[in-house]
């Protein structure tokens, strides 16, 4: 969260980061079984980033 706050929601320097459709982003935090992922959205008009999910990949709301 701190790195997103400082550098913005687009994390091209993270090896497991990916942009999803619209204003959504995700990153695989821990690979293996289970895989953990975080999802976040951005609102460019008000510069708000909201973490919407952090947990196992199987339950991620893609």
C-alpha atoms as a PDB file:
ATOM      1  CA  UNK A   1       0.000   0.000   0.000  1.00  0.00           C
ATOM      2  CA  UNK A   2       2.813   2.393   0.862  1.00  0.00           C
ATOM      3  CA  UNK A   3       4.496   1.911  -2.517  1.00  0.00           C
ATOM      4  CA  UNK A   4       1.175   2.409  -4.327  1.00  0.00           C
ATOM      5  CA  UNK A   5       0.560   5.576  -2.294  1.00  0.00           C
ATOM      6  CA  UNK A   6       3.978   7.001  -3.206  1.00  0.00           C
ATOM      7  CA  UNK A   7       4.387   5.755  -6.792  1.00  0.00           C
ATOM      8  CA  UNK A   8       0.794   5.434  -7.966  1.00  0.00           C
ATOM      9  CA  UNK A   9      -1.434   2.471  -8.788  1.00  0.00           C
ATOM     10  CA  UNK A  10       0.436   1.335 -11.931  1.00  0.00           C
ATOM     11  CA  UNK A  11       3.281  -0.835 -10.620  1.00  0.00           C
ATOM     12  CA  UNK A  12       5.363  -1.743 -13.658  1.00  0.00           C
ATOM     13  CA  UNK A  13       8.347  -2.412 -11.400  1.00  0.00           C
ATOM     14  CA  UNK A  14       6.567  -5.320  -9.652  1.00  0.00           C
ATOM     15  CA  UNK A  15       7.250  -8.673 -11.380  1.00  0.00           C
ATOM     16  CA  UNK A  16       3.749 -10.072 -10.810  1.00  0.00           C
ATOM     17  CA  UNK A  17       1.717  -6.893 -11.489  1.00  0.00           C
ATOM     18  CA  UNK A  18      -0.972  -6.720 -14.160  1.00  0.00           C
ATOM     19  CA  UNK A  19      -3.530  -4.150 -15.274  1.00  0.00           C
ATOM     20  CA  UNK A  20      -7.078  -5.452 -15.557  1.00  0.00           C
ATOM     21  CA  UNK A  21      -9.958  -3.887 -17.466  1.00  0.00           C
ATOM     22  CA  UNK A  22     -11.008  -0.359 -16.640  1.00  0.00           C
ATOM     23  CA  UNK A  23      -9.359   1.148 -13.589  1.00  0.00           C
ATOM     24  CA  UNK A  24      -8.512  -2.169 -11.885  1.00  0.00           C
ATOM     25  CA  UNK A  25      -5.067  -3.591 -11.137  1.00  0.00           C
ATOM     26  CA  UNK A  26      -3.769  -6.776  -9.519  1.00  0.00           C
ATOM     27  CA  UNK A  27      -0.568  -8.362  -8.282  1.00  0.00           C
ATOM     28  CA  UNK A  28       0.239 -11.925  -7.278  1.00  0.00           C
ATOM     29  CA  UNK A  29       1.792 -11.542  -3.827  1.00  0.00           C
ATOM     30  CA  UNK A  30       2.841 -15.140  -3.223  1.00  0.00           C
ATOM     31  CA  UNK A  31       3.016 -17.865  -5.833  1.00  0.00           C
ATOM     32  CA  UNK A  32       2.475 -21.541  -5.150  1.00  0.00           C
ATOM     33  CA  UNK A  33      -0.483 -23.273  -3.573  1.00  0.00           C
ATOM     34  CA  UNK A  34      -2.373 -21.268  -2.542  1.00  0.00           C
ATOM     35  CA  UNK A  35      -1.483 -18.214  -4.608  1.00  0.00           C
ATOM     36  CA  UNK A  36      -2.252 -14.884  -2.938  1.00  0.00           C
ATOM     37  CA  UNK A  37      -3.337 -11.835  -4.918  1.00  0.00           C
ATOM     38  CA  UNK A  38      -4.264  -8.213  -4.218  1.00  0.00           C
ATOM     39  CA  UNK A  39      -6.692  -6.194  -6.343  1.00  0.00           C
ATOM     40  CA  UNK A  40      -7.090  -2.432  -6.306  1.00  0.00           C
ATOM     41  CA  UNK A  41      -8.908   0.290  -8.193  1.00  0.00           C
ATOM     42  CA  UNK A  42      -7.994   3.866  -8.938  1.00  0.00           C
ATOM     43  CA  UNK A  43     -10.055   7.019  -9.318  1.00  0.00           C
ATOM     44  CA  UNK A  44      -7.985   9.438 -11.387  1.00  0.00           C
ATOM     45  CA  UNK A  45     -10.157  12.470 -10.714  1.00  0.00           C
ATOM     46  CA  UNK A  46      -9.727  12.408  -6.939  1.00  0.00           C
ATOM     47  CA  UNK A  47      -6.468  10.405  -6.780  1.00  0.00           C
ATOM     48  CA  UNK A  48      -7.907   7.627  -4.635  1.00  0.00           C
ATOM     49  CA  UNK A  49      -6.598   4.066  -4.615  1.00  0.00           C
ATOM     50  CA  UNK A  50      -8.747   1.453  -2.884  1.00  0.00           C
ATOM     51  CA  UNK A  51      -7.565  -2.072  -2.073  1.00  0.00           C
ATOM     52  CA  UNK A  52     -10.621  -4.168  -2.870  1.00  0.00           C
ATOM     53  CA  UNK A  53      -9.273  -7.668  -2.171  1.00  0.00           C
ATOM     54  CA  UNK A  54      -6.267  -9.442  -0.688  1.00  0.00           C
ATOM     55  CA  UNK A  55      -6.437 -13.191  -0.354  1.00  0.00           C
ATOM     56  CA  UNK A  56      -6.175 -16.461  -2.209  1.00  0.00           C
ATOM     57  CA  UNK A  57      -6.235 -16.466  -6.003  1.00  0.00           C
ATOM     58  CA  UNK A  58      -9.111 -18.938  -6.081  1.00  0.00           C
ATOM     59  CA  UNK A  59     -11.516 -16.479  -4.433  1.00  0.00           C
ATOM     60  CA  UNK A  60     -10.321 -13.323  -6.221  1.00  0.00           C
ATOM     61  CA  UNK A  61     -13.199 -11.319  -7.743  1.00  0.00           C
ATOM     62  CA  UNK A  62     -11.694 -10.839 -11.243  1.00  0.00           C
END
